[in-house]
N, C-alpha and C. Protein backbone atom coordinates (compact mmCIF):
# COMPACT_ATOMS: atom_id res chain seq x y z
N MET A 1 -11.94 -55.02 -28.04
CA MET A 1 -13.12 -55.21 -28.86
C MET A 1 -13.09 -54.24 -30.03
N THR A 2 -13.70 -54.63 -31.12
CA THR A 2 -13.72 -53.80 -32.32
C THR A 2 -14.71 -52.66 -32.14
N SER A 3 -14.63 -51.66 -33.02
CA SER A 3 -15.56 -50.54 -32.94
C SER A 3 -16.99 -51.02 -33.17
N GLU A 4 -17.14 -52.05 -34.01
CA GLU A 4 -18.45 -52.64 -34.25
C GLU A 4 -19.03 -53.16 -32.93
N ALA A 5 -18.19 -53.69 -32.09
CA ALA A 5 -18.64 -54.27 -30.83
C ALA A 5 -18.92 -53.20 -29.78
N ALA A 6 -18.39 -52.01 -29.97
CA ALA A 6 -18.53 -50.97 -28.96
C ALA A 6 -19.99 -50.54 -28.77
N ALA A 7 -20.83 -50.77 -29.78
CA ALA A 7 -22.23 -50.38 -29.67
C ALA A 7 -22.98 -51.46 -28.89
N ARG A 8 -23.16 -51.24 -27.60
CA ARG A 8 -23.86 -52.21 -26.74
C ARG A 8 -25.31 -51.81 -26.60
N ARG A 9 -26.14 -52.76 -26.20
CA ARG A 9 -27.55 -52.48 -26.00
C ARG A 9 -28.00 -53.15 -24.70
N PRO A 10 -29.19 -52.77 -24.21
CA PRO A 10 -29.70 -53.42 -22.99
C PRO A 10 -29.86 -54.93 -23.22
N LEU A 11 -29.74 -55.69 -22.15
CA LEU A 11 -29.83 -57.14 -22.28
C LEU A 11 -31.24 -57.61 -22.60
N SER A 12 -31.33 -58.54 -23.55
CA SER A 12 -32.59 -59.19 -23.90
C SER A 12 -32.96 -60.13 -22.76
N ALA A 13 -34.15 -60.70 -22.82
CA ALA A 13 -34.62 -61.60 -21.77
C ALA A 13 -33.69 -62.80 -21.61
N GLY A 14 -33.26 -63.41 -22.73
CA GLY A 14 -32.38 -64.57 -22.66
C GLY A 14 -31.03 -64.24 -22.06
N ALA A 15 -30.47 -63.10 -22.45
CA ALA A 15 -29.17 -62.67 -21.91
C ALA A 15 -29.29 -62.31 -20.43
N ARG A 16 -30.40 -61.67 -20.05
CA ARG A 16 -30.62 -61.37 -18.62
C ARG A 16 -30.70 -62.64 -17.80
N ARG A 17 -31.36 -63.68 -18.34
CA ARG A 17 -31.47 -64.96 -17.64
C ARG A 17 -30.08 -65.57 -17.42
N VAL A 18 -29.21 -65.47 -18.42
CA VAL A 18 -27.84 -65.98 -18.27
C VAL A 18 -27.11 -65.16 -17.21
N GLN A 19 -27.23 -63.83 -17.24
CA GLN A 19 -26.57 -62.98 -16.24
C GLN A 19 -27.04 -63.33 -14.84
N GLU A 20 -28.35 -63.52 -14.67
CA GLU A 20 -28.89 -63.88 -13.35
C GLU A 20 -28.38 -65.25 -12.90
N THR A 21 -28.30 -66.19 -13.82
CA THR A 21 -27.80 -67.53 -13.47
C THR A 21 -26.34 -67.46 -13.08
N LEU A 22 -25.56 -66.65 -13.77
CA LEU A 22 -24.15 -66.47 -13.39
C LEU A 22 -24.07 -65.97 -11.95
N ARG A 23 -24.85 -64.98 -11.61
CA ARG A 23 -24.84 -64.44 -10.24
C ARG A 23 -25.26 -65.51 -9.23
N GLU A 24 -26.35 -66.23 -9.55
CA GLU A 24 -26.86 -67.26 -8.64
C GLU A 24 -25.84 -68.37 -8.39
N ARG A 25 -25.01 -68.66 -9.38
CA ARG A 25 -24.03 -69.75 -9.25
C ARG A 25 -22.67 -69.26 -8.74
N GLY A 26 -22.59 -68.01 -8.32
CA GLY A 26 -21.37 -67.50 -7.72
C GLY A 26 -20.37 -66.91 -8.70
N PHE A 27 -20.83 -66.50 -9.87
CA PHE A 27 -19.96 -65.90 -10.87
C PHE A 27 -20.37 -64.45 -11.15
N ALA A 28 -20.64 -63.70 -10.09
CA ALA A 28 -21.13 -62.33 -10.21
C ALA A 28 -20.13 -61.42 -10.93
N GLU A 29 -18.85 -61.79 -10.94
CA GLU A 29 -17.84 -60.96 -11.59
C GLU A 29 -17.90 -61.05 -13.12
N LEU A 30 -18.63 -62.02 -13.65
CA LEU A 30 -18.73 -62.19 -15.10
C LEU A 30 -19.90 -61.36 -15.62
N GLU A 31 -19.64 -60.64 -16.72
CA GLU A 31 -20.63 -59.71 -17.26
C GLU A 31 -21.06 -60.12 -18.66
N VAL A 32 -22.36 -60.29 -18.82
CA VAL A 32 -22.93 -60.54 -20.15
C VAL A 32 -23.00 -59.19 -20.86
N VAL A 33 -22.56 -59.20 -22.11
CA VAL A 33 -22.61 -58.00 -22.94
C VAL A 33 -23.41 -58.34 -24.19
N GLU A 34 -24.36 -57.47 -24.51
CA GLU A 34 -25.16 -57.67 -25.72
C GLU A 34 -24.80 -56.57 -26.71
N PHE A 35 -24.47 -56.98 -27.93
CA PHE A 35 -24.02 -56.08 -28.97
C PHE A 35 -25.13 -55.80 -29.98
N ASP A 36 -24.88 -54.85 -30.87
CA ASP A 36 -25.85 -54.49 -31.90
C ASP A 36 -25.82 -55.44 -33.09
N VAL A 37 -24.90 -56.38 -33.10
CA VAL A 37 -24.77 -57.30 -34.23
C VAL A 37 -24.93 -58.74 -33.74
N ALA A 38 -25.54 -59.56 -34.59
CA ALA A 38 -25.68 -60.98 -34.26
C ALA A 38 -24.36 -61.68 -34.51
N MET A 39 -24.06 -62.66 -33.69
CA MET A 39 -22.83 -63.46 -33.83
C MET A 39 -23.24 -64.92 -33.87
N ARG A 40 -23.76 -65.34 -35.00
CA ARG A 40 -24.30 -66.70 -35.12
C ARG A 40 -23.21 -67.75 -35.35
N THR A 41 -22.01 -67.32 -35.65
CA THR A 41 -20.90 -68.26 -35.83
C THR A 41 -19.76 -67.87 -34.90
N SER A 42 -18.87 -68.82 -34.68
CA SER A 42 -17.68 -68.54 -33.87
C SER A 42 -16.82 -67.46 -34.51
N ALA A 43 -16.72 -67.50 -35.83
CA ALA A 43 -15.92 -66.48 -36.54
C ALA A 43 -16.52 -65.09 -36.34
N ASP A 44 -17.85 -64.98 -36.40
CA ASP A 44 -18.50 -63.69 -36.14
C ASP A 44 -18.17 -63.19 -34.74
N ALA A 45 -18.29 -64.06 -33.77
CA ALA A 45 -18.04 -63.67 -32.38
C ALA A 45 -16.60 -63.24 -32.18
N ALA A 46 -15.65 -63.98 -32.72
CA ALA A 46 -14.23 -63.63 -32.58
C ALA A 46 -13.96 -62.26 -33.20
N ARG A 47 -14.55 -62.02 -34.35
CA ARG A 47 -14.35 -60.73 -35.02
C ARG A 47 -14.90 -59.59 -34.17
N VAL A 48 -16.09 -59.77 -33.62
CA VAL A 48 -16.74 -58.71 -32.86
C VAL A 48 -15.97 -58.38 -31.58
N VAL A 49 -15.52 -59.38 -30.85
CA VAL A 49 -14.82 -59.08 -29.58
C VAL A 49 -13.31 -58.95 -29.75
N GLY A 50 -12.80 -59.24 -30.94
CA GLY A 50 -11.38 -59.06 -31.20
C GLY A 50 -10.49 -60.10 -30.55
N CYS A 51 -10.94 -61.36 -30.56
CA CYS A 51 -10.12 -62.43 -29.99
C CYS A 51 -9.80 -63.45 -31.07
N GLU A 52 -9.01 -64.45 -30.70
CA GLU A 52 -8.70 -65.55 -31.61
C GLU A 52 -9.92 -66.47 -31.71
N LEU A 53 -10.09 -67.09 -32.85
CA LEU A 53 -11.20 -68.02 -33.06
C LEU A 53 -11.20 -69.13 -32.00
N ALA A 54 -10.01 -69.58 -31.62
CA ALA A 54 -9.89 -70.65 -30.62
C ALA A 54 -10.49 -70.26 -29.28
N GLN A 55 -10.58 -68.96 -28.97
CA GLN A 55 -11.09 -68.49 -27.68
C GLN A 55 -12.61 -68.47 -27.59
N ILE A 56 -13.29 -68.77 -28.68
CA ILE A 56 -14.74 -68.83 -28.65
C ILE A 56 -15.14 -70.24 -28.20
N ALA A 57 -15.85 -70.29 -27.08
CA ALA A 57 -16.33 -71.58 -26.54
C ALA A 57 -17.72 -71.81 -27.12
N LYS A 58 -17.76 -72.55 -28.23
CA LYS A 58 -19.06 -72.78 -28.89
C LYS A 58 -19.80 -73.92 -28.20
N SER A 59 -21.10 -73.72 -28.05
CA SER A 59 -21.97 -74.71 -27.41
C SER A 59 -22.79 -75.40 -28.49
N LEU A 60 -22.57 -76.69 -28.64
CA LEU A 60 -23.29 -77.48 -29.64
C LEU A 60 -24.16 -78.50 -28.93
N VAL A 61 -25.41 -78.63 -29.38
CA VAL A 61 -26.33 -79.58 -28.77
C VAL A 61 -26.56 -80.73 -29.73
N PHE A 62 -26.44 -81.94 -29.20
CA PHE A 62 -26.68 -83.16 -29.96
C PHE A 62 -27.81 -83.93 -29.30
N ARG A 63 -28.43 -84.81 -30.08
CA ARG A 63 -29.50 -85.66 -29.58
C ARG A 63 -28.99 -87.09 -29.56
N ALA A 64 -28.99 -87.70 -28.38
CA ALA A 64 -28.61 -89.11 -28.27
C ALA A 64 -29.70 -89.92 -28.96
N GLU A 65 -29.31 -90.78 -29.89
CA GLU A 65 -30.29 -91.45 -30.75
C GLU A 65 -31.14 -92.50 -30.06
N ARG A 66 -30.61 -93.21 -29.09
CA ARG A 66 -31.42 -94.24 -28.41
C ARG A 66 -32.27 -93.66 -27.30
N THR A 67 -31.69 -92.81 -26.48
CA THR A 67 -32.41 -92.30 -25.31
C THR A 67 -33.13 -90.98 -25.56
N GLY A 68 -32.72 -90.26 -26.60
CA GLY A 68 -33.33 -88.96 -26.89
C GLY A 68 -32.86 -87.84 -25.98
N ARG A 69 -31.87 -88.12 -25.13
CA ARG A 69 -31.40 -87.08 -24.22
C ARG A 69 -30.56 -86.04 -24.97
N ALA A 70 -30.49 -84.86 -24.39
CA ALA A 70 -29.71 -83.77 -24.97
C ALA A 70 -28.30 -83.80 -24.40
N VAL A 71 -27.33 -83.65 -25.28
CA VAL A 71 -25.92 -83.64 -24.90
C VAL A 71 -25.32 -82.34 -25.43
N MET A 72 -24.75 -81.54 -24.53
CA MET A 72 -24.09 -80.31 -24.96
C MET A 72 -22.59 -80.53 -24.97
N VAL A 73 -21.98 -80.12 -26.06
CA VAL A 73 -20.53 -80.17 -26.21
C VAL A 73 -20.06 -78.73 -26.32
N ILE A 74 -19.11 -78.35 -25.46
CA ILE A 74 -18.54 -77.02 -25.53
C ILE A 74 -17.11 -77.19 -26.03
N ALA A 75 -16.87 -76.61 -27.21
CA ALA A 75 -15.58 -76.81 -27.87
C ALA A 75 -15.05 -75.48 -28.39
N SER A 76 -13.79 -75.47 -28.70
CA SER A 76 -13.15 -74.29 -29.28
C SER A 76 -13.75 -74.00 -30.65
N GLY A 77 -13.97 -72.72 -30.92
CA GLY A 77 -14.48 -72.30 -32.21
C GLY A 77 -13.56 -72.65 -33.36
N ALA A 78 -12.30 -72.94 -33.05
CA ALA A 78 -11.33 -73.26 -34.10
C ALA A 78 -11.32 -74.74 -34.46
N HIS A 79 -12.06 -75.56 -33.72
CA HIS A 79 -12.02 -77.00 -33.94
C HIS A 79 -13.36 -77.56 -34.38
N ARG A 80 -13.29 -78.64 -35.12
CA ARG A 80 -14.49 -79.37 -35.52
C ARG A 80 -14.68 -80.52 -34.52
N VAL A 81 -15.91 -80.67 -34.04
CA VAL A 81 -16.22 -81.71 -33.07
C VAL A 81 -16.27 -83.07 -33.78
N ASP A 82 -15.72 -84.08 -33.14
CA ASP A 82 -15.71 -85.44 -33.66
C ASP A 82 -16.93 -86.17 -33.10
N GLU A 83 -17.96 -86.29 -33.93
CA GLU A 83 -19.22 -86.88 -33.47
C GLU A 83 -19.06 -88.34 -33.06
N ALA A 84 -18.19 -89.08 -33.72
CA ALA A 84 -17.94 -90.48 -33.33
C ALA A 84 -17.33 -90.52 -31.92
N ARG A 85 -16.45 -89.59 -31.62
CA ARG A 85 -15.83 -89.53 -30.30
C ARG A 85 -16.88 -89.22 -29.23
N ILE A 86 -17.79 -88.32 -29.53
CA ILE A 86 -18.85 -87.98 -28.57
C ILE A 86 -19.74 -89.19 -28.32
N ALA A 87 -20.09 -89.89 -29.39
CA ALA A 87 -20.92 -91.10 -29.25
C ALA A 87 -20.21 -92.11 -28.35
N GLU A 88 -18.90 -92.24 -28.53
CA GLU A 88 -18.12 -93.15 -27.70
C GLU A 88 -18.16 -92.70 -26.23
N LEU A 89 -18.04 -91.41 -26.00
CA LEU A 89 -18.02 -90.88 -24.63
C LEU A 89 -19.36 -91.06 -23.92
N ILE A 90 -20.47 -90.94 -24.65
CA ILE A 90 -21.77 -91.04 -23.98
C ILE A 90 -22.38 -92.44 -24.09
N GLY A 91 -21.76 -93.31 -24.89
CA GLY A 91 -22.20 -94.69 -24.95
C GLY A 91 -23.37 -94.97 -25.88
N GLU A 92 -23.63 -94.06 -26.82
CA GLU A 92 -24.67 -94.30 -27.82
C GLU A 92 -24.49 -93.33 -28.99
N PRO A 93 -25.03 -93.70 -30.15
CA PRO A 93 -24.92 -92.81 -31.32
C PRO A 93 -25.61 -91.47 -31.06
N ILE A 94 -25.13 -90.44 -31.74
CA ILE A 94 -25.74 -89.11 -31.62
C ILE A 94 -26.11 -88.59 -33.00
N GLY A 95 -26.99 -87.62 -32.99
CA GLY A 95 -27.35 -86.91 -34.20
C GLY A 95 -27.43 -85.43 -33.89
N ARG A 96 -27.34 -84.61 -34.92
CA ARG A 96 -27.48 -83.17 -34.73
C ARG A 96 -28.90 -82.87 -34.24
N ALA A 97 -29.01 -81.92 -33.37
CA ALA A 97 -30.31 -81.51 -32.85
C ALA A 97 -30.88 -80.41 -33.74
N ASP A 98 -32.18 -80.49 -34.01
CA ASP A 98 -32.80 -79.43 -34.80
C ASP A 98 -33.10 -78.24 -33.88
N PRO A 99 -33.42 -77.07 -34.46
CA PRO A 99 -33.64 -75.87 -33.64
C PRO A 99 -34.73 -76.04 -32.58
N ASP A 100 -35.79 -76.79 -32.88
CA ASP A 100 -36.84 -76.99 -31.88
C ASP A 100 -36.34 -77.80 -30.68
N PHE A 101 -35.55 -78.84 -30.93
CA PHE A 101 -34.97 -79.66 -29.86
C PHE A 101 -34.04 -78.79 -29.01
N VAL A 102 -33.21 -77.99 -29.66
CA VAL A 102 -32.28 -77.11 -28.93
C VAL A 102 -33.05 -76.15 -28.05
N ARG A 103 -34.06 -75.51 -28.59
CA ARG A 103 -34.84 -74.54 -27.82
C ARG A 103 -35.58 -75.24 -26.68
N GLU A 104 -36.13 -76.42 -26.92
CA GLU A 104 -36.86 -77.16 -25.89
C GLU A 104 -35.96 -77.48 -24.69
N HIS A 105 -34.72 -77.88 -24.96
CA HIS A 105 -33.82 -78.31 -23.89
C HIS A 105 -33.01 -77.19 -23.27
N THR A 106 -32.69 -76.16 -24.05
CA THR A 106 -31.89 -75.07 -23.51
C THR A 106 -32.70 -73.83 -23.19
N GLY A 107 -33.83 -73.65 -23.89
CA GLY A 107 -34.58 -72.40 -23.74
C GLY A 107 -33.93 -71.26 -24.51
N GLN A 108 -32.95 -71.58 -25.35
CA GLN A 108 -32.17 -70.56 -26.05
C GLN A 108 -32.11 -70.88 -27.54
N PRO A 109 -31.93 -69.84 -28.37
CA PRO A 109 -31.87 -70.07 -29.82
C PRO A 109 -30.50 -70.52 -30.28
N ILE A 110 -30.47 -71.32 -31.33
CA ILE A 110 -29.19 -71.67 -31.96
C ILE A 110 -28.48 -70.37 -32.34
N GLY A 111 -27.20 -70.32 -32.11
CA GLY A 111 -26.43 -69.10 -32.35
C GLY A 111 -26.28 -68.27 -31.09
N GLY A 112 -27.00 -68.64 -30.04
CA GLY A 112 -26.90 -67.91 -28.79
C GLY A 112 -26.93 -68.82 -27.58
N VAL A 113 -26.72 -70.13 -27.79
CA VAL A 113 -26.82 -71.09 -26.69
C VAL A 113 -25.63 -70.93 -25.74
N ALA A 114 -25.96 -70.60 -24.51
CA ALA A 114 -24.96 -70.42 -23.46
C ALA A 114 -24.61 -71.76 -22.83
N PRO A 115 -23.49 -71.82 -22.12
CA PRO A 115 -23.12 -73.06 -21.44
C PRO A 115 -23.91 -73.31 -20.15
N LEU A 116 -24.84 -72.42 -19.81
CA LEU A 116 -25.64 -72.57 -18.59
C LEU A 116 -26.98 -71.88 -18.78
N ALA A 117 -27.84 -71.91 -17.75
CA ALA A 117 -29.16 -71.29 -17.74
C ALA A 117 -30.10 -72.01 -18.71
N HIS A 118 -30.05 -73.33 -18.69
CA HIS A 118 -30.87 -74.13 -19.61
C HIS A 118 -32.24 -74.46 -19.03
N ALA A 119 -33.18 -74.71 -19.94
CA ALA A 119 -34.54 -75.06 -19.55
C ALA A 119 -34.60 -76.43 -18.88
N ARG A 120 -33.72 -77.34 -19.29
CA ARG A 120 -33.67 -78.70 -18.75
C ARG A 120 -32.21 -79.09 -18.51
N PRO A 121 -31.97 -80.06 -17.64
CA PRO A 121 -30.59 -80.52 -17.46
C PRO A 121 -30.07 -81.19 -18.74
N LEU A 122 -28.81 -80.95 -19.05
CA LEU A 122 -28.17 -81.55 -20.21
C LEU A 122 -26.90 -82.26 -19.76
N GLU A 123 -26.54 -83.32 -20.46
CA GLU A 123 -25.23 -83.91 -20.24
C GLU A 123 -24.22 -82.97 -20.87
N MET A 124 -23.14 -82.66 -20.14
CA MET A 124 -22.18 -81.65 -20.59
C MET A 124 -20.80 -82.26 -20.81
N LEU A 125 -20.23 -81.98 -21.97
CA LEU A 125 -18.85 -82.34 -22.28
C LEU A 125 -18.10 -81.07 -22.64
N VAL A 126 -16.92 -80.89 -22.06
CA VAL A 126 -16.09 -79.72 -22.32
C VAL A 126 -14.80 -80.18 -22.99
N ASP A 127 -14.51 -79.59 -24.14
CA ASP A 127 -13.31 -79.93 -24.90
C ASP A 127 -12.05 -79.61 -24.09
N GLU A 128 -11.20 -80.61 -23.92
CA GLU A 128 -9.98 -80.43 -23.13
C GLU A 128 -9.06 -79.36 -23.71
N ASP A 129 -9.14 -79.11 -25.01
CA ASP A 129 -8.30 -78.08 -25.63
C ASP A 129 -8.59 -76.69 -25.08
N LEU A 130 -9.81 -76.45 -24.63
CA LEU A 130 -10.15 -75.14 -24.06
C LEU A 130 -9.34 -74.84 -22.80
N LEU A 131 -8.92 -75.87 -22.08
CA LEU A 131 -8.19 -75.66 -20.83
C LEU A 131 -6.79 -75.11 -21.06
N ARG A 132 -6.33 -75.13 -22.29
CA ARG A 132 -4.99 -74.60 -22.61
C ARG A 132 -4.99 -73.09 -22.79
N LEU A 133 -6.17 -72.50 -22.87
CA LEU A 133 -6.30 -71.07 -23.13
C LEU A 133 -6.44 -70.29 -21.84
N GLU A 134 -6.11 -69.01 -21.90
CA GLU A 134 -6.20 -68.16 -20.72
C GLU A 134 -7.61 -67.60 -20.54
N LEU A 135 -8.21 -67.13 -21.64
CA LEU A 135 -9.54 -66.53 -21.59
C LEU A 135 -10.40 -67.07 -22.72
N LEU A 136 -11.70 -67.15 -22.47
CA LEU A 136 -12.67 -67.62 -23.45
C LEU A 136 -13.82 -66.62 -23.54
N TRP A 137 -14.58 -66.73 -24.60
CA TRP A 137 -15.84 -66.01 -24.76
C TRP A 137 -16.91 -67.05 -25.06
N ALA A 138 -18.07 -66.95 -24.41
CA ALA A 138 -19.17 -67.89 -24.63
C ALA A 138 -20.46 -67.12 -24.93
N ALA A 139 -21.34 -67.76 -25.69
CA ALA A 139 -22.65 -67.18 -25.98
C ALA A 139 -23.43 -67.04 -24.67
N ALA A 140 -24.39 -66.10 -24.69
CA ALA A 140 -25.10 -65.79 -23.45
C ALA A 140 -26.61 -65.71 -23.63
N GLY A 141 -27.20 -66.70 -24.31
CA GLY A 141 -28.65 -66.80 -24.38
C GLY A 141 -29.31 -66.03 -25.49
N HIS A 142 -28.54 -65.35 -26.32
CA HIS A 142 -29.07 -64.58 -27.44
C HIS A 142 -27.94 -64.46 -28.47
N PRO A 143 -28.25 -64.46 -29.77
CA PRO A 143 -27.20 -64.38 -30.79
C PRO A 143 -26.33 -63.13 -30.72
N ASN A 144 -26.77 -62.11 -30.02
CA ASN A 144 -25.99 -60.87 -29.89
C ASN A 144 -25.22 -60.78 -28.57
N ALA A 145 -25.33 -61.79 -27.72
CA ALA A 145 -24.79 -61.68 -26.36
C ALA A 145 -23.66 -62.68 -26.10
N LEU A 146 -22.63 -62.20 -25.40
CA LEU A 146 -21.47 -63.00 -25.02
C LEU A 146 -21.04 -62.64 -23.61
N PHE A 147 -20.24 -63.52 -23.01
CA PHE A 147 -19.55 -63.17 -21.78
C PHE A 147 -18.17 -63.80 -21.79
N ARG A 148 -17.24 -63.13 -21.11
CA ARG A 148 -15.85 -63.58 -21.04
C ARG A 148 -15.65 -64.35 -19.75
N LEU A 149 -14.86 -65.44 -19.83
CA LEU A 149 -14.61 -66.28 -18.67
C LEU A 149 -13.32 -67.06 -18.86
N THR A 150 -12.89 -67.73 -17.80
CA THR A 150 -11.71 -68.59 -17.90
C THR A 150 -12.17 -70.03 -18.14
N PRO A 151 -11.28 -70.87 -18.65
CA PRO A 151 -11.64 -72.29 -18.81
C PRO A 151 -12.04 -72.93 -17.48
N GLU A 152 -11.38 -72.57 -16.42
CA GLU A 152 -11.70 -73.14 -15.11
C GLU A 152 -13.12 -72.76 -14.69
N GLN A 153 -13.50 -71.51 -14.94
CA GLN A 153 -14.86 -71.08 -14.62
C GLN A 153 -15.88 -71.85 -15.46
N LEU A 154 -15.55 -72.09 -16.72
CA LEU A 154 -16.44 -72.84 -17.60
C LEU A 154 -16.70 -74.24 -17.05
N VAL A 155 -15.66 -74.92 -16.65
CA VAL A 155 -15.81 -76.27 -16.12
C VAL A 155 -16.62 -76.26 -14.83
N ARG A 156 -16.34 -75.30 -13.95
CA ARG A 156 -17.07 -75.22 -12.69
C ARG A 156 -18.55 -74.91 -12.90
N MET A 157 -18.86 -73.96 -13.79
CA MET A 157 -20.27 -73.55 -13.95
C MET A 157 -21.11 -74.59 -14.66
N THR A 158 -20.49 -75.43 -15.46
CA THR A 158 -21.24 -76.44 -16.21
C THR A 158 -21.22 -77.80 -15.54
N SER A 159 -20.28 -78.01 -14.63
CA SER A 159 -20.02 -79.35 -14.07
C SER A 159 -19.79 -80.33 -15.21
N GLY A 160 -19.21 -79.83 -16.29
CA GLY A 160 -19.00 -80.65 -17.47
C GLY A 160 -17.83 -81.60 -17.33
N ARG A 161 -17.95 -82.72 -18.02
CA ARG A 161 -16.87 -83.70 -18.07
C ARG A 161 -15.87 -83.23 -19.11
N VAL A 162 -14.62 -83.04 -18.71
CA VAL A 162 -13.57 -82.61 -19.63
C VAL A 162 -13.08 -83.84 -20.39
N ALA A 163 -13.05 -83.71 -21.72
CA ALA A 163 -12.67 -84.83 -22.57
C ALA A 163 -12.19 -84.30 -23.92
N ARG A 164 -11.51 -85.16 -24.64
CA ARG A 164 -11.13 -84.83 -26.02
C ARG A 164 -12.36 -85.06 -26.88
N VAL A 165 -12.86 -83.99 -27.49
CA VAL A 165 -14.07 -84.09 -28.30
C VAL A 165 -13.84 -83.67 -29.75
N THR A 166 -12.60 -83.29 -30.08
CA THR A 166 -12.31 -82.84 -31.44
C THR A 166 -11.29 -83.76 -32.08
């Protein structure tokens, strides 16, 4: 991690909720870390923890246009998500979710949406490219918080469907 990242702070309420959910789901070995800097983009997060951009597991929330359900796509920070492919996978058109929709369904702010500890159940898709990596970093309920995990742990904790989404 960079020197910028070395300055840690106590966990915020959102990050604590993610840490507690990790423990409840059997991932007690994973540690949420909250830094003094916000990491609202994948590039910010990679810079702060000193990893490759591809190792950032970004969580994007979409709104299914017909049903209104929330769909979370977890993809590599180095890739752009193919929205037409996601629509094909879920069987209906999608649109970007606004911050209120994201907060309503996840309980977390954009820029800090974790792959778990959501306010409501979400349909989960995990980018198959993430499975090629050894380690990942994911947001942890706050723009300043992350946790490190393996791709296998990501799939298990989300019960996400692995698919090509980029």
